[in-house]
Amino acid sequence: MSAAAVSQRRPRPLSRSRRPTALAPAAPLHVGGAVSGCSVGKDAVTSHVVPSGDGASTQAGTIALRNFVLVINDAGEANLAGAMVNVSNSEDDALTGVTVEGGTVALSQGGIAATSIPVRARTFEDFGYGGNAITVSGLTPLLGRFLTVSFQFRDSGSASMPVMTVPGEGIYAGLAPTPAATVHS
């Protein structure tokens, strides 16, 4: 064959099948239906979003409540661990009460029972890691559930949020209350 004959040849189509082109318009409909199925209807899973886990946060007036968890032991006692920040430039406030769904709460500062805990202007107060404590008793020791926790402040009002129960291990090791020793006679 001469070079002129080769250059004049027409390219041959790879395939004459119509199947790929017939299915191509239907593919986006199939994929779109599968991808969007999670948000169909008023009772869709995506309509019931809950906090994802560790570290619930909210705001009450000038008090920012950050990263709270309930570190629970097998006896149904828990420490509420997290931080409070008073973002006011000049006004001190005080934590005057806490309620936890299904439990009895006690406040303490430096190991001494307290009826309120001061939160000074432009300061950070941590709970469950040393000096300040919010202990809860009477809980059912189930891990991974969310309990409603409400905080009351002298000047900033109140705030509630769902807080997750976590075990006293891993990053929370040593934060769960130590159960009282049982005396046998």
C-alpha atoms as a PDB file:
ATOM      1  CA  MET A   1       0.000   0.000   0.000  1.00  0.00           C
ATOM      2  CA  SER A   2       1.295   3.412  -0.859  1.00  0.00           C
ATOM      3  CA  ALA A   3       1.669   6.281   1.622  1.00  0.00           C
ATOM      4  CA  ALA A   4      -1.010   8.238  -0.266  1.00  0.00           C
ATOM      5  CA  ALA A   5      -3.495   5.395   0.090  1.00  0.00           C
ATOM      6  CA  VAL A   6      -2.876   5.100   3.851  1.00  0.00           C
ATOM      7  CA  SER A   7      -3.395   8.811   4.418  1.00  0.00           C
ATOM      8  CA  GLN A   8      -6.742   8.761   2.549  1.00  0.00           C
ATOM      9  CA  ARG A   9      -8.266   5.978   4.641  1.00  0.00           C
ATOM     10  CA  ARG A  10     -11.171   6.915   6.821  1.00  0.00           C
ATOM     11  CA  PRO A  11     -10.967   6.124  10.531  1.00  0.00           C
ATOM     12  CA  ARG A  12     -13.212   3.271  11.535  1.00  0.00           C
ATOM     13  CA  PRO A  13     -15.680   3.833  14.450  1.00  0.00           C
ATOM     14  CA  LEU A  14     -14.758   1.862  17.582  1.00  0.00           C
ATOM     15  CA  SER A  15     -18.272   0.579  18.198  1.00  0.00           C
ATOM     16  CA  ARG A  16     -21.689   0.953  16.670  1.00  0.00           C
ATOM     17  CA  SER A  17     -23.539  -0.214  19.800  1.00  0.00           C
ATOM     18  CA  ARG A  18     -26.237   2.135  21.094  1.00  0.00           C
ATOM     19  CA  ARG A  19     -26.337   0.693  24.606  1.00  0.00           C
ATOM     20  CA  PRO A  20     -23.885   3.092  26.303  1.00  0.00           C
ATOM     21  CA  THR A  21     -25.621   6.161  24.873  1.00  0.00           C
ATOM     22  CA  ALA A  22     -29.094   4.851  25.730  1.00  0.00           C
ATOM     23  CA  LEU A  23     -28.154   4.267  29.384  1.00  0.00           C
ATOM     24  CA  ALA A  24     -26.177   7.465  29.845  1.00  0.00           C
ATOM     25  CA  PRO A  25     -29.226   9.779  30.384  1.00  0.00           C
ATOM     26  CA  ALA A  26     -30.681   7.374  32.986  1.00  0.00           C
ATOM     27  CA  ALA A  27     -27.488   7.154  35.086  1.00  0.00           C
ATOM     28  CA  PRO A  28     -27.807  10.616  36.737  1.00  0.00           C
ATOM     29  CA  LEU A  29     -31.401   9.833  37.739  1.00  0.00           C
ATOM     30  CA  HIS A  30     -30.387   6.573  39.354  1.00  0.00           C
ATOM     31  CA  VAL A  31     -27.407   8.104  41.216  1.00  0.00           C
ATOM     32  CA  GLY A  32     -29.394  11.219  42.191  1.00  0.00           C
ATOM     33  CA  GLY A  33     -32.175   9.131  43.709  1.00  0.00           C
ATOM     34  CA  ALA A  34     -29.740   7.027  45.717  1.00  0.00           C
ATOM     35  CA  VAL A  35     -27.781  10.004  47.005  1.00  0.00           C
ATOM     36  CA  SER A  36     -30.767  12.152  47.972  1.00  0.00           C
ATOM     37  CA  GLY A  37     -32.782   9.380  49.625  1.00  0.00           C
ATOM     38  CA  CYS A  38     -31.558  10.276  53.131  1.00  0.00           C
ATOM     39  CA  SER A  39     -33.543  13.514  53.192  1.00  0.00           C
ATOM     40  CA  VAL A  40     -36.872  12.348  51.844  1.00  0.00           C
ATOM     41  CA  GLY A  41     -39.924  12.878  54.027  1.00  0.00           C
ATOM     42  CA  LYS A  42     -40.602  14.687  57.281  1.00  0.00           C
ATOM     43  CA  ASP A  43     -39.262  11.832  59.446  1.00  0.00           C
ATOM     44  CA  ALA A  44     -35.920  11.517  57.660  1.00  0.00           C
ATOM     45  CA  VAL A  45     -32.880  10.687  59.770  1.00  0.00           C
ATOM     46  CA  THR A  46     -31.268  13.998  58.813  1.00  0.00           C
ATOM     47  CA  SER A  47     -34.241  15.862  60.342  1.00  0.00           C
ATOM     48  CA  HIS A  48     -33.338  14.612  63.824  1.00  0.00           C
ATOM     49  CA  VAL A  49     -29.813  15.889  64.310  1.00  0.00           C
ATOM     50  CA  VAL A  50     -28.378  15.544  67.821  1.00  0.00           C
ATOM     51  CA  PRO A  51     -25.008  16.582  69.190  1.00  0.00           C
ATOM     52  CA  SER A  52     -22.256  14.341  67.923  1.00  0.00           C
ATOM     53  CA  GLY A  53     -20.753  13.491  71.257  1.00  0.00           C
ATOM     54  CA  ASP A  54     -18.088  14.834  73.549  1.00  0.00           C
ATOM     55  CA  GLY A  55     -18.040  18.470  74.454  1.00  0.00           C
ATOM     56  CA  ALA A  56     -21.474  20.120  74.553  1.00  0.00           C
ATOM     57  CA  SER A  57     -21.362  23.922  74.484  1.00  0.00           C
ATOM     58  CA  THR A  58     -23.839  26.800  74.865  1.00  0.00           C
ATOM     59  CA  GLN A  59     -24.083  30.375  76.146  1.00  0.00           C
ATOM     60  CA  ALA A  60     -25.951  32.016  79.055  1.00  0.00           C
ATOM     61  CA  GLY A  61     -25.653  35.813  78.872  1.00  0.00           C
ATOM     62  CA  THR A  62     -21.958  36.615  79.273  1.00  0.00           C
ATOM     63  CA  ILE A  63     -21.058  33.063  80.376  1.00  0.00           C
ATOM     64  CA  ALA A  64     -19.774  30.701  77.683  1.00  0.00           C
ATOM     65  CA  LEU A  65     -20.159  27.032  78.674  1.00  0.00           C
ATOM     66  CA  ARG A  66     -17.670  24.894  76.760  1.00  0.00           C
ATOM     67  CA  ASN A  67     -16.958  21.194  76.218  1.00  0.00           C
ATOM     68  CA  PHE A  68     -19.109  19.699  78.997  1.00  0.00           C
ATOM     69  CA  VAL A  69     -19.384  15.917  79.474  1.00  0.00           C
ATOM     70  CA  LEU A  70     -20.706  13.776  82.329  1.00  0.00           C
ATOM     71  CA  VAL A  71     -17.912  11.384  83.381  1.00  0.00           C
ATOM     72  CA  ILE A  72     -19.835   8.551  85.011  1.00  0.00           C
ATOM     73  CA  ASN A  73     -18.838   5.522  87.099  1.00  0.00           C
ATOM     74  CA  ASP A  74     -20.564   2.132  87.542  1.00  0.00           C
ATOM     75  CA  ALA A  75     -22.372   3.346  90.681  1.00  0.00           C
ATOM     76  CA  GLY A  76     -24.307   6.041  88.766  1.00  0.00           C
ATOM     77  CA  GLU A  77     -22.231   8.940  90.102  1.00  0.00           C
ATOM     78  CA  ALA A  78     -20.744  11.492  87.721  1.00  0.00           C
ATOM     79  CA  ASN A  79     -18.573  14.583  87.564  1.00  0.00           C
ATOM     80  CA  LEU A  80     -19.648  17.279  85.149  1.00  0.00           C
ATOM     81  CA  ALA A  81     -16.415  18.235  83.398  1.00  0.00           C
ATOM     82  CA  GLY A  82     -15.983  21.318  81.206  1.00  0.00           C
ATOM     83  CA  ALA A  83     -15.212  25.023  81.313  1.00  0.00           C
ATOM     84  CA  MET A  84     -16.953  28.350  81.850  1.00  0.00           C
ATOM     85  CA  VAL A  85     -15.672  31.645  80.500  1.00  0.00           C
ATOM     86  CA  ASN A  86     -17.076  34.980  81.625  1.00  0.00           C
ATOM     87  CA  VAL A  87     -16.669  37.135  78.511  1.00  0.00           C
ATOM     88  CA  SER A  88     -17.770  40.311  80.308  1.00  0.00           C
ATOM     89  CA  ASN A  89     -15.041  42.942  80.555  1.00  0.00           C
ATOM     90  CA  SER A  90     -16.170  44.172  83.977  1.00  0.00           C
ATOM     91  CA  GLU A  91     -19.067  42.208  85.536  1.00  0.00           C
ATOM     92  CA  ASP A  92     -18.450  39.227  87.814  1.00  0.00           C
ATOM     93  CA  ASP A  93     -21.125  36.535  87.941  1.00  0.00           C
ATOM     94  CA  ALA A  94     -21.733  33.300  89.879  1.00  0.00           C
ATOM     95  CA  LEU A  95     -22.950  29.804  89.133  1.00  0.00           C
ATOM     96  CA  THR A  96     -25.875  29.403  91.550  1.00  0.00           C
ATOM     97  CA  GLY A  97     -27.309  26.063  90.514  1.00  0.00           C
ATOM     98  CA  VAL A  98     -27.128  23.087  88.191  1.00  0.00           C
ATOM     99  CA  THR A  99     -29.751  20.459  87.447  1.00  0.00           C
ATOM    100  CA  VAL A 100     -29.121  17.171  85.646  1.00  0.00           C
ATOM    101  CA  GLU A 101     -31.964  15.080  84.275  1.00  0.00           C
ATOM    102  CA  GLY A 102     -32.506  12.150  86.656  1.00  0.00           C
ATOM    103  CA  GLY A 103     -29.804  13.084  89.154  1.00  0.00           C
ATOM    104  CA  THR A 104     -29.046  15.001  92.345  1.00  0.00           C
ATOM    105  CA  VAL A 105     -26.376  17.703  92.025  1.00  0.00           C
ATOM    106  CA  ALA A 106     -23.836  19.078  94.519  1.00  0.00           C
ATOM    107  CA  LEU A 107     -21.446  22.015  93.936  1.00  0.00           C
ATOM    108  CA  SER A 108     -18.054  22.251  95.597  1.00  0.00           C
ATOM    109  CA  GLN A 109     -15.041  24.516  95.436  1.00  0.00           C
ATOM    110  CA  GLY A 110     -11.668  23.195  96.542  1.00  0.00           C
ATOM    111  CA  GLY A 111     -13.336  20.099  98.032  1.00  0.00           C
ATOM    112  CA  ILE A 112     -15.709  22.192 100.199  1.00  0.00           C
ATOM    113  CA  ALA A 113     -19.477  22.176  99.572  1.00  0.00           C
ATOM    114  CA  ALA A 114     -20.670  25.446  98.038  1.00  0.00           C
ATOM    115  CA  THR A 115     -24.021  27.045  97.244  1.00  0.00           C
ATOM    116  CA  SER A 116     -22.492  29.089  94.432  1.00  0.00           C
ATOM    117  CA  ILE A 117     -19.206  29.333  92.535  1.00  0.00           C
ATOM    118  CA  PRO A 118     -17.906  32.746  91.397  1.00  0.00           C
ATOM    119  CA  VAL A 119     -17.108  33.283  87.715  1.00  0.00           C
ATOM    120  CA  ARG A 120     -15.115  36.521  87.597  1.00  0.00           C
ATOM    121  CA  ALA A 121     -15.078  38.866  84.590  1.00  0.00           C
ATOM    122  CA  ARG A 122     -12.661  37.849  81.820  1.00  0.00           C
ATOM    123  CA  THR A 123     -11.747  34.571  83.525  1.00  0.00           C
ATOM    124  CA  PHE A 124     -11.855  30.868  82.773  1.00  0.00           C
ATOM    125  CA  GLU A 125     -13.185  28.408  85.370  1.00  0.00           C
ATOM    126  CA  ASP A 126     -12.755  24.692  84.789  1.00  0.00           C
ATOM    127  CA  PHE A 127     -14.902  22.004  86.387  1.00  0.00           C
ATOM    128  CA  GLY A 128     -14.054  18.382  87.062  1.00  0.00           C
ATOM    129  CA  TYR A 129     -10.290  18.850  86.729  1.00  0.00           C
ATOM    130  CA  GLY A 130      -9.360  20.071  90.186  1.00  0.00           C
ATOM    131  CA  GLY A 131     -10.714  22.904  92.335  1.00  0.00           C
ATOM    132  CA  ASN A 132     -14.318  23.326  91.145  1.00  0.00           C
ATOM    133  CA  ALA A 133     -16.640  20.349  91.030  1.00  0.00           C
ATOM    134  CA  ILE A 134     -20.192  19.616  89.989  1.00  0.00           C
ATOM    135  CA  THR A 135     -20.960  16.085  91.168  1.00  0.00           C
ATOM    136  CA  VAL A 136     -24.109  14.187  90.287  1.00  0.00           C
ATOM    137  CA  SER A 137     -25.533  11.115  92.011  1.00  0.00           C
ATOM    138  CA  GLY A 138     -28.515   8.856  91.410  1.00  0.00           C
ATOM    139  CA  LEU A 139     -27.970   8.349  87.668  1.00  0.00           C
ATOM    140  CA  THR A 140     -28.483   5.119  85.756  1.00  0.00           C
ATOM    141  CA  PRO A 141     -24.936   4.212  84.674  1.00  0.00           C
ATOM    142  CA  LEU A 142     -25.513   4.023  80.916  1.00  0.00           C
ATOM    143  CA  LEU A 143     -22.751   5.315  78.667  1.00  0.00           C
ATOM    144  CA  GLY A 144     -23.286   7.294  75.503  1.00  0.00           C
ATOM    145  CA  ARG A 145     -26.660   8.753  76.359  1.00  0.00           C
ATOM    146  CA  PHE A 146     -27.480  12.436  76.504  1.00  0.00           C
ATOM    147  CA  LEU A 147     -28.923  14.016  79.649  1.00  0.00           C
ATOM    148  CA  THR A 148     -30.310  17.541  79.823  1.00  0.00           C
ATOM    149  CA  VAL A 149     -28.108  19.729  82.020  1.00  0.00           C
ATOM    150  CA  SER A 150     -29.305  23.206  83.092  1.00  0.00           C
ATOM    151  CA  PHE A 151     -27.045  25.909  84.533  1.00  0.00           C
ATOM    152  CA  GLN A 152     -28.349  28.879  86.562  1.00  0.00           C
ATOM    153  CA  PHE A 153     -26.331  32.062  87.051  1.00  0.00           C
ATOM    154  CA  ARG A 154     -26.862  35.034  89.357  1.00  0.00           C
ATOM    155  CA  ASP A 155     -26.830  37.640  86.556  1.00  0.00           C
ATOM    156  CA  SER A 156     -26.617  35.794  83.231  1.00  0.00           C
ATOM    157  CA  GLY A 157     -29.812  33.787  83.546  1.00  0.00           C
ATOM    158  CA  SER A 158     -29.844  30.131  82.636  1.00  0.00           C
ATOM    159  CA  ALA A 159     -28.996  27.764  79.805  1.00  0.00           C
ATOM    160  CA  SER A 160     -29.698  24.101  79.095  1.00  0.00           C
ATOM    161  CA  MET A 161     -28.008  21.624  76.798  1.00  0.00           C
ATOM    162  CA  PRO A 162     -27.811  17.872  76.163  1.00  0.00           C
ATOM    163  CA  VAL A 163     -24.597  16.466  77.649  1.00  0.00           C
ATOM    164  CA  MET A 164     -23.182  13.020  76.872  1.00  0.00           C
ATOM    165  CA  THR A 165     -22.250  10.451  79.530  1.00  0.00           C
ATOM    166  CA  VAL A 166     -18.741   9.043  79.053  1.00  0.00           C
ATOM    167  CA  PRO A 167     -16.675   6.490  81.020  1.00  0.00           C
ATOM    168  CA  GLY A 168     -13.807   7.568  83.273  1.00  0.00           C
ATOM    169  CA  GLU A 169     -11.125   6.088  81.023  1.00  0.00           C
ATOM    170  CA  GLY A 170      -8.886   7.224  78.191  1.00  0.00           C
ATOM    171  CA  ILE A 171      -8.811  11.023  78.118  1.00  0.00           C
ATOM    172  CA  TYR A 172     -11.296  11.032  81.031  1.00  0.00           C
ATOM    173  CA  ALA A 173      -9.257   8.695  83.269  1.00  0.00           C
ATOM    174  CA  GLY A 174      -9.376   9.879  86.865  1.00  0.00           C
ATOM    175  CA  LEU A 175     -12.318  12.258  86.321  1.00  0.00           C
ATOM    176  CA  ALA A 176     -15.158   9.945  87.402  1.00  0.00           C
ATOM    177  CA  PRO A 177     -16.073  10.040  91.091  1.00  0.00           C
ATOM    178  CA  THR A 178     -14.597   7.281  93.223  1.00  0.00           C
ATOM    179  CA  PRO A 179     -17.471   5.249  94.692  1.00  0.00           C
ATOM    180  CA  ALA A 180     -17.722   5.298  98.468  1.00  0.00           C
ATOM    181  CA  ALA A 181     -16.234   2.204 100.081  1.00  0.00           C
ATOM    182  CA  THR A 182     -18.709  -0.346 101.415  1.00  0.00           C
ATOM    183  CA  VAL A 183     -18.153  -1.288 105.060  1.00  0.00           C
ATOM    184  CA  HIS A 184     -18.845  -4.912 105.946  1.00  0.00           C
ATOM    185  CA  SER A 185     -19.447  -5.839 109.570  1.00  0.00           C
END
